[in-house]
N, C-alpha and C. Protein backbone atom coordinates (compact mmCIF):
# COMPACT_ATOMS: atom_id res chain seq x y z
N MET A 1 4.71 3.44 12.39
CA MET A 1 5.15 3.56 13.81
C MET A 1 6.58 3.38 14.18
N ALA A 2 7.15 4.04 14.77
CA ALA A 2 8.69 3.91 15.05
C ALA A 2 9.08 3.01 16.11
N GLU A 3 10.11 2.34 15.84
CA GLU A 3 10.46 1.05 16.54
C GLU A 3 10.93 1.58 17.89
N GLN A 4 10.52 1.20 19.19
CA GLN A 4 11.05 1.41 20.19
C GLN A 4 12.51 0.88 20.48
N SER A 5 13.29 1.65 21.15
CA SER A 5 14.70 1.25 21.68
C SER A 5 14.63 0.13 22.59
N THR A 6 15.24 -0.96 22.44
CA THR A 6 15.31 -2.14 23.40
C THR A 6 16.48 -2.10 24.12
N ARG A 7 17.16 -1.02 24.10
CA ARG A 7 18.46 -0.92 24.98
C ARG A 7 18.17 -1.00 26.39
N VAL A 8 18.91 -1.80 27.14
CA VAL A 8 18.68 -1.82 28.57
C VAL A 8 19.82 -1.18 29.27
N THR A 9 19.22 -0.15 30.23
CA THR A 9 20.32 0.66 30.88
C THR A 9 20.70 -0.08 32.05
N GLU A 10 21.55 0.79 32.75
CA GLU A 10 22.11 0.37 34.22
C GLU A 10 20.97 0.44 35.20
N ARG A 11 20.32 1.42 34.94
CA ARG A 11 19.31 1.80 35.89
C ARG A 11 18.00 0.69 35.82
N ASP A 12 17.67 0.37 34.62
CA ASP A 12 16.73 -0.80 34.33
C ASP A 12 17.14 -1.80 35.30
N VAL A 13 18.26 -2.28 35.07
CA VAL A 13 18.81 -3.31 35.62
C VAL A 13 18.81 -3.38 37.46
N LEU A 14 19.24 -2.08 37.69
CA LEU A 14 19.25 -2.03 39.23
C LEU A 14 17.90 -1.90 39.88
N ARG A 15 16.95 -1.35 38.99
CA ARG A 15 15.66 -1.26 39.50
C ARG A 15 14.98 -2.85 39.73
N VAL A 16 15.14 -3.55 38.98
CA VAL A 16 14.90 -4.93 38.95
C VAL A 16 15.64 -5.76 40.21
N ILE A 17 16.82 -5.55 40.34
CA ILE A 17 17.56 -6.18 41.42
C ILE A 17 17.12 -5.44 42.71
N GLU A 18 16.98 -3.97 42.77
CA GLU A 18 16.41 -3.57 44.16
C GLU A 18 14.99 -4.01 44.28
N ASP A 19 14.10 -4.10 43.55
CA ASP A 19 12.82 -4.67 43.70
C ASP A 19 12.97 -5.81 44.44
N HIS A 20 13.79 -6.73 43.82
CA HIS A 20 13.73 -8.18 44.02
C HIS A 20 14.31 -8.36 45.54
N LEU A 21 15.36 -7.39 46.07
CA LEU A 21 16.10 -7.48 47.12
C LEU A 21 15.28 -6.68 48.36
N VAL A 22 14.71 -5.59 48.09
CA VAL A 22 13.98 -5.16 49.22
C VAL A 22 12.78 -6.04 49.55
N ILE A 23 12.13 -6.77 48.77
CA ILE A 23 10.96 -7.57 49.19
C ILE A 23 11.50 -8.59 50.16
N ARG A 24 12.84 -8.90 50.00
CA ARG A 24 13.50 -9.85 50.89
C ARG A 24 14.21 -9.36 51.97
N GLY A 25 13.96 -7.95 52.39
CA GLY A 25 14.25 -7.38 53.42
C GLY A 25 15.71 -6.75 53.52
N VAL A 26 16.32 -6.58 52.34
CA VAL A 26 17.35 -5.97 51.99
C VAL A 26 17.12 -4.46 51.90
N SER A 27 17.66 -3.40 52.65
CA SER A 27 17.77 -2.14 52.85
C SER A 27 18.15 -1.48 51.20
N ALA A 28 17.31 -0.72 50.85
CA ALA A 28 17.56 -0.26 49.30
C ALA A 28 19.04 0.45 49.26
N GLU A 29 19.42 1.21 50.35
CA GLU A 29 20.67 2.09 50.60
C GLU A 29 22.08 1.04 50.33
N ARG A 30 21.58 0.03 50.77
CA ARG A 30 22.95 -0.97 50.84
C ARG A 30 23.08 -1.70 49.39
N ILE A 31 22.05 -1.45 48.48
CA ILE A 31 22.26 -2.09 47.17
C ILE A 31 22.79 -1.17 46.11
N VAL A 32 24.25 -1.37 46.21
CA VAL A 32 25.21 -0.31 45.45
C VAL A 32 25.97 -1.19 44.53
N ARG A 33 26.55 -0.81 43.55
CA ARG A 33 27.45 -1.71 42.51
C ARG A 33 28.34 -2.43 43.16
N GLY A 34 29.02 -1.87 44.20
CA GLY A 34 30.21 -2.46 44.78
C GLY A 34 29.62 -3.93 45.73
N ALA A 35 28.50 -3.81 46.11
CA ALA A 35 27.96 -4.72 47.03
C ALA A 35 27.98 -5.99 46.61
N ALA A 36 28.69 -7.03 47.30
CA ALA A 36 28.61 -8.26 47.17
C ALA A 36 27.40 -9.10 47.76
N TRP A 37 26.87 -9.98 46.81
CA TRP A 37 25.64 -10.51 47.45
C TRP A 37 25.65 -11.22 48.85
N LYS A 38 26.69 -12.00 49.18
CA LYS A 38 26.64 -12.61 50.41
C LYS A 38 27.11 -11.85 51.55
N ALA A 39 28.44 -11.27 51.14
CA ALA A 39 29.06 -10.56 52.26
C ALA A 39 28.46 -9.27 52.66
N ASP A 40 27.99 -8.45 51.69
CA ASP A 40 27.49 -7.16 51.80
C ASP A 40 25.71 -7.21 52.04
N LEU A 41 25.06 -8.16 51.38
CA LEU A 41 23.78 -8.11 51.25
C LEU A 41 23.06 -9.19 52.05
N GLY A 42 23.97 -10.23 52.21
CA GLY A 42 23.29 -11.18 52.98
C GLY A 42 22.38 -12.28 52.19
N ILE A 43 22.70 -12.22 50.87
CA ILE A 43 21.70 -12.86 50.09
C ILE A 43 22.49 -14.39 49.87
N ASP A 44 21.53 -15.51 50.15
CA ASP A 44 21.90 -16.74 49.95
C ASP A 44 21.77 -17.36 48.50
N SER A 45 22.34 -18.61 48.35
CA SER A 45 22.19 -19.07 46.87
C SER A 45 20.87 -19.05 46.35
N LEU A 46 19.82 -19.67 47.05
CA LEU A 46 18.40 -19.45 46.79
C LEU A 46 18.06 -18.15 46.09
N ASP A 47 18.38 -17.16 46.87
CA ASP A 47 17.92 -15.86 46.56
C ASP A 47 18.81 -15.39 45.24
N ILE A 48 20.05 -15.85 45.21
CA ILE A 48 20.73 -15.48 43.80
C ILE A 48 20.10 -16.32 42.70
N LEU A 49 19.73 -17.56 42.94
CA LEU A 49 19.05 -18.19 41.82
C LEU A 49 17.83 -17.58 41.37
N THR A 50 16.90 -17.20 42.53
CA THR A 50 15.78 -16.65 42.10
C THR A 50 15.95 -15.15 41.40
N LEU A 51 16.84 -14.49 41.70
CA LEU A 51 17.11 -13.27 41.13
C LEU A 51 17.80 -13.40 39.53
N THR A 52 18.68 -14.48 39.49
CA THR A 52 19.10 -14.77 38.24
C THR A 52 17.77 -15.00 37.28
N GLN A 53 17.09 -15.78 37.63
CA GLN A 53 15.78 -16.20 36.92
C GLN A 53 14.96 -15.00 36.58
N GLU A 54 14.87 -14.04 37.45
CA GLU A 54 14.12 -13.00 37.63
C GLU A 54 14.67 -11.93 36.30
N LEU A 55 16.01 -11.76 36.34
CA LEU A 55 16.73 -11.18 35.30
C LEU A 55 16.73 -11.56 33.98
N GLU A 56 16.84 -12.88 34.04
CA GLU A 56 16.52 -13.61 32.70
C GLU A 56 15.28 -13.36 31.92
N ASP A 57 14.33 -13.59 33.00
CA ASP A 57 13.00 -13.70 32.26
C ASP A 57 12.64 -11.75 31.97
N THR A 58 13.12 -11.08 32.79
CA THR A 58 12.71 -9.43 32.58
C THR A 58 13.43 -9.07 31.25
N PHE A 59 14.78 -9.44 31.14
CA PHE A 59 15.61 -8.69 30.05
C PHE A 59 15.87 -9.85 28.90
N HIS A 60 15.17 -10.89 29.01
CA HIS A 60 15.24 -11.82 27.78
C HIS A 60 16.85 -12.22 27.43
N VAL A 61 17.37 -12.52 28.61
CA VAL A 61 18.87 -12.88 28.25
C VAL A 61 19.16 -14.25 29.08
N LYS A 62 20.17 -14.73 28.62
CA LYS A 62 20.57 -16.15 29.23
C LYS A 62 21.77 -15.88 30.22
N ILE A 63 21.59 -16.38 31.54
CA ILE A 63 22.95 -16.38 32.49
C ILE A 63 23.11 -17.88 32.50
N GLY A 64 24.25 -18.35 32.12
CA GLY A 64 24.73 -19.66 32.14
C GLY A 64 25.32 -19.84 33.72
N GLU A 65 25.31 -21.12 34.00
CA GLU A 65 25.86 -21.24 35.49
C GLU A 65 27.12 -20.83 35.72
N GLU A 66 28.04 -20.94 34.66
CA GLU A 66 29.50 -20.51 34.77
C GLU A 66 29.50 -18.74 34.83
N ASP A 67 28.53 -18.14 34.04
CA ASP A 67 28.55 -16.86 34.16
C ASP A 67 28.02 -16.34 35.51
N ALA A 68 26.88 -17.00 36.02
CA ALA A 68 26.21 -16.69 37.19
C ALA A 68 27.26 -16.84 38.58
N ILE A 69 28.31 -17.67 38.44
CA ILE A 69 29.36 -17.84 39.45
C ILE A 69 30.20 -16.51 39.43
N GLU A 70 30.40 -16.11 38.23
CA GLU A 70 31.45 -14.89 38.17
C GLU A 70 30.67 -13.70 38.64
N LEU A 71 29.38 -13.73 38.75
CA LEU A 71 28.62 -12.48 39.00
C LEU A 71 28.53 -12.20 40.71
N ARG A 72 29.67 -11.62 41.17
CA ARG A 72 29.89 -11.54 42.46
C ARG A 72 29.29 -10.31 43.35
N THR A 73 28.96 -9.29 42.70
CA THR A 73 28.58 -8.19 43.10
C THR A 73 27.41 -7.76 42.29
N VAL A 74 26.61 -6.52 42.92
CA VAL A 74 25.51 -5.92 41.85
C VAL A 74 25.90 -5.37 40.67
N GLY A 75 27.05 -4.73 40.60
CA GLY A 75 27.82 -4.33 39.57
C GLY A 75 28.00 -5.19 38.57
N ASP A 76 28.56 -6.43 38.87
CA ASP A 76 28.86 -7.57 37.93
C ASP A 76 27.57 -7.93 37.25
N ALA A 77 26.47 -7.85 37.97
CA ALA A 77 25.19 -8.38 37.27
C ALA A 77 24.69 -7.34 36.47
N VAL A 78 25.06 -6.05 36.84
CA VAL A 78 24.17 -4.97 36.16
C VAL A 78 25.16 -5.01 34.67
N ASP A 79 26.32 -5.03 34.82
CA ASP A 79 27.29 -4.98 33.57
C ASP A 79 26.88 -6.09 32.60
N PHE A 80 26.80 -7.38 33.27
CA PHE A 80 26.78 -8.68 32.40
C PHE A 80 25.22 -8.39 31.63
N ILE A 81 24.13 -7.81 32.44
CA ILE A 81 22.98 -7.78 31.75
C ILE A 81 22.88 -6.82 30.54
N VAL A 82 23.42 -5.72 30.77
CA VAL A 82 23.58 -4.49 30.07
C VAL A 82 24.29 -4.89 28.58
N ARG A 83 25.44 -5.73 29.06
CA ARG A 83 26.31 -6.19 27.75
C ARG A 83 25.56 -7.25 26.93
N GLN A 84 24.81 -8.12 27.76
CA GLN A 84 23.96 -9.10 26.90
C GLN A 84 22.97 -8.54 26.17
N SER A 85 22.39 -7.77 26.80
CA SER A 85 21.35 -6.82 25.89
C SER A 85 21.91 -6.14 24.77
N ASP A 86 22.97 -5.26 25.03
CA ASP A 86 23.78 -4.58 23.67
C ASP A 86 23.95 -5.65 22.75
N ASP A 87 24.55 -6.99 23.24
CA ASP A 87 24.89 -7.82 22.08
C ASP A 87 23.82 -8.25 21.35
N ARG A 88 22.73 -8.65 22.05
CA ARG A 88 21.47 -8.98 21.54
C ARG A 88 20.81 -7.98 20.55
N THR A 89 20.98 -6.78 20.99
CA THR A 89 20.46 -5.60 20.00
C THR A 89 21.18 -5.40 18.73
N ALA A 90 22.57 -5.59 18.92
CA ALA A 90 23.50 -5.53 17.89
C ALA A 90 23.24 -6.47 16.93
N ASP A 91 23.12 -7.83 17.39
CA ASP A 91 22.81 -8.89 16.38
C ASP A 91 21.34 -8.84 15.82
N LYS A 92 20.40 -8.24 16.46
CA LYS A 92 19.24 -8.02 15.82
C LYS A 92 19.16 -7.12 14.80
N GLY A 93 19.96 -6.09 14.80
CA GLY A 93 20.07 -4.88 13.96
C GLY A 93 20.91 -5.30 12.69
N ALA A 94 22.00 -6.17 12.94
CA ALA A 94 22.58 -6.78 11.84
C ALA A 94 21.71 -7.84 10.98
N HIS A 95 20.80 -8.49 11.54
CA HIS A 95 20.12 -9.37 10.74
C HIS A 95 18.81 -8.59 10.11
N ASP A 96 18.67 -7.53 10.69
CA ASP A 96 17.46 -6.57 10.08
C ASP A 96 17.90 -5.99 8.81
N GLY A 97 19.10 -5.58 8.73
CA GLY A 97 19.52 -4.94 7.47
C GLY A 97 19.64 -5.60 6.24
């Protein structure tokens, strides 16, 4: 059986963010890479915390407190998750060989 790719795409991360925020009343059209959590989307600290936890659980990555502070926009979060996933996949490949 062939191993499925575990690469996380930008679209994968955006989908989780959109699902999380739309439930909280944010219009999907407003959820774009450049949107700032508080200024553009009206997301408070508790919403950011729960979103961070959801991203960690969904993509099996760790977002430290210092990292979370630096994730000011949707695009920052997307890039961080994709980068963490790529790093994890590269590490796994290095250990498999």
